[in-house]
């Protein structure tokens, strides 16, 4: 039993590394803060959820850059 807990601790630490950023990023990405933390804490699934967060952030950044680019010529008067 003790050896199993020793092996479980690194997994929990890794899952926390996904859960803490999920807490702060969820509201900025229009997500439910508590749901994102729970999903990030689920062993094995949390790794895939971390990838989802990465691609969601990339998509939001690209959408915002496209919006800025579309408004830029209008602001310059061309």
Protein backbone atom coordinates (compact mmCIF):
# COMPACT_ATOMS: atom_id res chain seq x y z
CA UNK A 1 0.00 0.00 0.00
CA UNK A 2 2.80 2.42 0.89
CA UNK A 3 4.60 1.84 -2.43
CA UNK A 4 1.40 2.55 -4.36
CA UNK A 5 1.04 5.90 -2.61
CA UNK A 6 4.66 6.78 -3.43
CA UNK A 7 3.92 6.13 -7.09
CA UNK A 8 0.65 8.09 -6.92
CA UNK A 9 2.19 11.32 -5.56
CA UNK A 10 4.03 12.31 -8.78
CA UNK A 11 0.82 11.80 -10.75
CA UNK A 12 -1.08 14.11 -8.41
CA UNK A 13 1.69 16.73 -8.67
CA UNK A 14 1.51 16.58 -12.47
CA UNK A 15 -2.28 16.88 -12.42
CA UNK A 16 -2.00 19.94 -10.15
CA UNK A 17 0.28 21.51 -12.72
CA UNK A 18 -2.70 21.40 -15.12
CA UNK A 19 -5.38 22.27 -12.56
CA UNK A 20 -3.86 25.51 -11.27
CA UNK A 21 -3.59 27.19 -14.70
CA UNK A 22 -7.05 25.84 -15.56
CA UNK A 23 -8.45 27.76 -12.56
CA UNK A 24 -7.08 31.05 -13.89
CA UNK A 25 -7.64 30.45 -17.60
CA UNK A 26 -11.23 29.20 -17.52
CA UNK A 27 -12.94 32.59 -17.00
CA UNK A 28 -10.77 34.22 -19.66
CA UNK A 29 -11.73 31.50 -22.14
CA UNK A 30 -15.45 31.50 -21.25
CA UNK A 31 -15.24 28.23 -19.33
CA UNK A 32 -16.57 27.06 -15.99
CA UNK A 33 -13.75 27.41 -13.47
CA UNK A 34 -14.77 24.47 -11.25
CA UNK A 35 -15.46 22.12 -14.15
CA UNK A 36 -12.08 22.83 -15.72
CA UNK A 37 -10.26 22.13 -12.44
CA UNK A 38 -12.11 18.86 -11.92
CA UNK A 39 -11.38 17.76 -15.47
CA UNK A 40 -7.72 18.67 -15.08
CA UNK A 41 -7.46 16.66 -11.85
CA UNK A 42 -8.76 13.39 -13.30
CA UNK A 43 -5.75 11.10 -13.76
CA UNK A 44 -4.82 10.36 -17.40
CA UNK A 45 -7.77 12.41 -18.72
CA UNK A 46 -6.10 15.53 -17.30
CA UNK A 47 -3.22 15.17 -19.74
CA UNK A 48 -5.63 15.23 -22.67
CA UNK A 49 -7.49 18.12 -21.10
CA UNK A 50 -4.16 19.98 -20.89
CA UNK A 51 -3.78 19.55 -24.65
CA UNK A 52 -7.33 20.80 -25.10
CA UNK A 53 -6.50 23.91 -23.03
CA UNK A 54 -3.39 24.53 -25.12
CA UNK A 55 -5.29 24.38 -28.41
CA UNK A 56 -8.18 26.43 -27.04
CA UNK A 57 -5.75 29.15 -25.98
CA UNK A 58 -4.08 29.07 -29.39
CA UNK A 59 -7.46 29.35 -31.13
CA UNK A 60 -8.51 32.31 -28.98
CA UNK A 61 -5.21 34.11 -29.60
CA UNK A 62 -5.45 33.53 -33.36
CA UNK A 63 -9.08 34.73 -33.42
CA UNK A 64 -8.17 37.89 -31.55
CA UNK A 65 -5.23 38.56 -33.84
CA UNK A 66 -7.47 38.09 -36.89
CA UNK A 67 -9.96 40.55 -35.39
CA UNK A 68 -7.21 43.11 -34.79
CA UNK A 69 -5.90 42.61 -38.32
CA UNK A 70 -9.36 43.08 -39.83
CA UNK A 71 -9.85 46.37 -37.95
CA UNK A 72 -6.35 47.72 -38.57
CA UNK A 73 -6.86 49.07 -42.13
CA UNK A 74 -10.06 50.81 -41.03
CA UNK A 75 -8.25 52.60 -38.22
CA UNK A 76 -5.44 53.74 -40.53
CA UNK A 77 -7.93 55.20 -42.99
CA UNK A 78 -7.10 52.96 -45.96
